[in-house]
Amino acid sequence: SYPSMTDCLKSGLYKWAGEAHNFSKEGPYIELVTSPNNPDGTARHSVVNRNKGTLLHDLAYYWPQYTPISSPADHELMLFTVSKSTGHAGMRIGMTKFVELNTIGVSKDSQIRAAKVLKAISDTYEHVDDSEVGETFFDFSYHNMAERWKLLREAVEHSGIGGKHFGVGPKYVRISMLDRDENFIRFVKRLSTIR
């Protein structure tokens, strides 16, 4: 959604110039590096690599349930999101000034919910040895995502359908993997029957 967001702002200072691989203009630029990329999950790196450039790393999916974390993220400008790590996309928290200008402020309700979600995640790590707690949040999320991917691949293979969106080939489809269990199971069952 970066092109539409950029165009919507109608800034006189910058405009969307397309994919970084095709960028050939001289002068200042901002390169957005999404890694891992959605929807194909590939690890991406900057490609323009010229003077006068600013790199912005979108690490929304840089969480252990989506990709192996082999080293700390250490870039000058990085975007993270609680919503992708926990599945709470409705909470608009962070990027305070941007959110304030675009939504008339971050609601106290969202701030309280985000704090409670982060505390619940933190609590799973404080009680790792407590047999009542079970798995840590990221271990649970990793295993849950692995099982959902297995079910989704089986359903897609059975149905034989695909899709094209977000600048990648027709073998990729964008779906929500973080819905409630009953909704995800219903989705997979319906997907497997489509011909």
Protein backbone atom coordinates (compact mmCIF):
# COMPACT_ATOMS: atom_id res chain seq x y z
CA SER A 1 0.00 0.00 0.00
CA TYR A 2 3.00 2.35 -0.09
CA PRO A 3 2.19 3.79 -3.55
CA SER A 4 -1.40 4.64 -2.61
CA MET A 5 -0.35 6.07 0.78
CA THR A 6 2.32 8.22 -0.87
CA ASP A 7 -0.07 9.46 -3.56
CA CYS A 8 -2.77 10.17 -0.99
CA LEU A 9 -0.49 12.55 0.92
CA LYS A 10 0.10 14.61 -2.28
CA SER A 11 3.39 15.99 -0.97
CA GLY A 12 5.30 18.53 -3.01
CA LEU A 13 8.51 17.13 -1.51
CA TYR A 14 8.33 13.56 -2.76
CA LYS A 15 6.33 11.18 -4.94
CA TRP A 16 6.21 7.46 -5.55
CA ALA A 17 8.80 6.48 -8.16
CA GLY A 18 8.14 2.75 -8.48
CA GLU A 19 10.08 -0.37 -7.69
CA ALA A 20 13.64 0.13 -6.45
CA HIS A 21 15.01 -2.27 -9.08
CA ASN A 22 13.79 0.13 -11.80
CA PHE A 23 14.80 3.40 -10.10
CA SER A 24 17.25 5.38 -12.23
CA LYS A 25 16.77 9.03 -11.23
CA GLU A 26 19.55 11.12 -9.75
CA GLY A 27 19.22 13.08 -6.52
CA PRO A 28 17.76 12.34 -3.10
CA TYR A 29 15.52 9.33 -2.65
CA ILE A 30 13.89 7.19 0.03
CA GLU A 31 14.05 3.43 -0.45
CA LEU A 32 11.59 1.27 1.46
CA VAL A 33 13.03 -2.15 2.23
CA THR A 34 10.38 -4.67 3.34
CA SER A 35 11.98 -7.72 4.89
CA PRO A 36 10.65 -10.28 5.13
CA ASN A 37 8.42 -9.21 2.28
CA ASN A 38 4.67 -9.74 2.27
CA PRO A 39 3.28 -11.83 0.63
CA ASP A 40 6.23 -13.94 -0.61
CA GLY A 41 8.31 -13.93 2.61
CA THR A 42 11.63 -13.21 0.89
CA ALA A 43 14.43 -11.45 2.74
CA ARG A 44 15.15 -8.17 0.97
CA HIS A 45 18.03 -5.71 1.02
CA SER A 46 18.52 -2.23 -0.41
CA VAL A 47 19.09 -2.16 -4.17
CA VAL A 48 19.55 1.50 -5.17
CA ASN A 49 22.67 2.09 -3.02
CA ARG A 50 23.55 5.62 -4.14
CA ASN A 51 24.52 8.84 -2.40
CA LYS A 52 21.77 11.11 -1.09
CA GLY A 53 19.56 8.15 -0.25
CA THR A 54 17.65 7.32 2.90
CA LEU A 55 16.77 3.72 3.70
CA LEU A 56 13.62 2.90 5.62
CA HIS A 57 13.41 -0.74 6.72
CA ASP A 58 9.87 -2.03 7.16
CA LEU A 59 10.30 -4.95 9.56
CA ALA A 60 6.61 -5.59 10.24
CA TYR A 61 7.10 -9.33 9.70
CA TYR A 62 10.54 -9.57 11.36
CA TRP A 63 9.19 -11.77 14.14
CA PRO A 64 10.22 -15.34 15.02
CA GLN A 65 6.95 -16.91 13.91
CA TYR A 66 7.41 -15.54 10.37
CA THR A 67 11.14 -15.75 9.73
CA PRO A 68 14.32 -17.03 11.38
CA ILE A 69 15.88 -14.23 13.44
CA SER A 70 19.55 -14.86 12.71
CA SER A 71 20.87 -11.44 13.78
CA PRO A 72 19.58 -8.29 15.43
CA ALA A 73 18.01 -5.71 13.13
CA ASP A 74 20.41 -2.76 13.15
CA HIS A 75 19.36 -0.13 10.61
CA GLU A 76 19.15 3.64 10.98
CA LEU A 77 15.38 3.82 10.36
CA MET A 78 13.20 0.80 11.17
CA LEU A 79 9.44 0.29 11.39
CA PHE A 80 8.02 -2.45 13.60
CA THR A 81 4.44 -3.21 14.49
CA VAL A 82 2.80 -4.87 17.45
CA SER A 83 -0.15 -5.84 15.27
CA LYS A 84 1.84 -8.25 13.07
CA SER A 85 3.54 -9.92 16.03
CA THR A 86 0.31 -10.49 17.94
CA GLY A 87 -2.47 -10.32 15.36
CA HIS A 88 -4.03 -7.18 16.86
CA ALA A 89 -4.21 -5.12 13.67
CA GLY A 90 -7.02 -2.90 14.97
CA MET A 91 -4.73 -1.24 17.52
CA ARG A 92 -3.21 1.86 15.99
CA ILE A 93 -0.24 2.45 18.25
CA GLY A 94 3.16 3.91 17.39
CA MET A 95 4.22 6.46 14.77
CA THR A 96 2.42 8.87 17.08
CA LYS A 97 2.66 12.04 15.01
CA PHE A 98 1.64 10.27 11.78
CA VAL A 99 -1.29 8.57 13.49
CA GLU A 100 -2.26 11.83 15.21
CA LEU A 101 -2.37 13.72 11.94
CA ASN A 102 -4.25 10.99 10.09
CA THR A 103 -6.67 9.73 12.75
CA ILE A 104 -6.93 12.61 15.23
CA GLY A 105 -4.76 10.84 17.77
CA VAL A 106 -4.08 7.40 19.20
CA SER A 107 -7.03 6.44 21.37
CA LYS A 108 -6.39 5.71 25.03
CA ASP A 109 -8.29 2.46 24.52
CA SER A 110 -5.77 1.33 21.88
CA GLN A 111 -2.86 2.33 24.10
CA ILE A 112 -4.26 0.36 27.05
CA ARG A 113 -4.99 -2.71 24.88
CA ALA A 114 -1.47 -2.57 23.38
CA ALA A 115 0.08 -2.33 26.84
CA LYS A 116 -1.98 -5.31 28.07
CA VAL A 117 -1.04 -7.38 25.01
CA LEU A 118 2.66 -6.60 25.48
CA LYS A 119 2.42 -7.46 29.20
CA ALA A 120 0.73 -10.79 28.40
CA ILE A 121 3.57 -11.61 25.97
CA SER A 122 6.18 -10.56 28.53
CA ASP A 123 4.53 -12.70 31.20
CA THR A 124 5.02 -15.87 29.11
CA TYR A 125 8.78 -15.28 29.32
CA GLU A 126 8.82 -14.50 33.05
CA HIS A 127 7.18 -17.85 33.83
CA VAL A 128 9.00 -20.07 31.33
CA ASP A 129 9.65 -22.75 33.97
CA ASP A 130 6.06 -22.62 35.26
CA SER A 131 4.32 -25.74 33.94
CA GLU A 132 0.91 -24.02 34.06
CA VAL A 133 1.90 -21.35 31.53
CA GLY A 134 2.98 -23.69 28.70
CA GLU A 135 4.91 -22.30 25.73
CA THR A 136 6.28 -18.80 25.39
CA PHE A 137 4.34 -16.52 23.07
CA PHE A 138 6.73 -16.75 20.12
CA ASP A 139 7.14 -20.53 20.46
CA PHE A 140 3.35 -20.94 20.50
CA SER A 141 3.00 -18.54 17.54
CA TYR A 142 5.69 -20.34 15.56
CA HIS A 143 4.05 -23.76 16.02
CA ASN A 144 0.57 -22.36 15.29
CA MET A 145 1.77 -20.65 12.08
CA ALA A 146 3.58 -23.82 10.94
CA GLU A 147 0.38 -25.85 11.37
CA ARG A 148 -1.72 -23.21 9.57
CA TRP A 149 0.70 -23.10 6.64
CA LYS A 150 0.52 -26.89 6.37
CA LEU A 151 -3.30 -26.78 6.28
CA LEU A 152 -3.31 -23.88 3.80
CA ARG A 153 -0.86 -25.57 1.41
CA GLU A 154 -2.98 -28.73 1.46
CA ALA A 155 -6.16 -26.74 0.74
CA VAL A 156 -4.58 -24.76 -2.13
CA GLU A 157 -3.09 -27.92 -3.63
CA HIS A 158 -6.49 -29.59 -3.47
CA SER A 159 -8.31 -26.63 -5.06
CA GLY A 160 -5.71 -25.76 -7.71
CA ILE A 161 -6.42 -21.98 -7.61
CA GLY A 162 -3.94 -19.02 -7.33
CA GLY A 163 -3.96 -15.23 -7.50
CA LYS A 164 -2.02 -12.11 -8.52
CA HIS A 165 -1.61 -9.04 -6.32
CA PHE A 166 0.98 -6.79 -4.65
CA GLY A 167 3.50 -6.92 -7.49
CA VAL A 168 4.32 -10.64 -7.37
CA GLY A 169 3.46 -13.55 -9.65
CA PRO A 170 0.17 -15.45 -9.79
CA LYS A 171 1.46 -18.20 -7.51
CA TYR A 172 1.10 -15.84 -4.52
CA VAL A 173 -2.09 -14.89 -2.69
CA ARG A 174 -2.47 -12.50 0.22
CA ILE A 175 -4.59 -13.83 3.07
CA SER A 176 -4.85 -13.35 6.82
CA MET A 177 -3.14 -16.13 8.74
CA LEU A 178 -3.85 -14.57 12.14
CA ASP A 179 -7.62 -14.90 12.41
CA ARG A 180 -9.31 -16.94 15.14
CA ASP A 181 -8.92 -20.71 14.86
CA GLU A 182 -12.55 -21.33 13.93
CA ASN A 183 -12.46 -18.69 11.17
CA PHE A 184 -9.18 -19.98 9.77
CA ILE A 185 -10.43 -23.59 9.71
CA ARG A 186 -13.65 -22.48 7.99
CA PHE A 187 -11.59 -20.53 5.43
CA VAL A 188 -9.32 -23.53 4.70
CA LYS A 189 -12.30 -25.86 4.29
CA ARG A 190 -14.03 -23.46 1.88
CA LEU A 191 -10.79 -22.87 -0.04
CA SER A 192 -10.26 -26.59 -0.55
CA THR A 193 -13.70 -26.92 -2.21
CA ILE A 194 -13.23 -24.10 -4.74
CA ARG A 195 -12.59 -25.30 -8.29
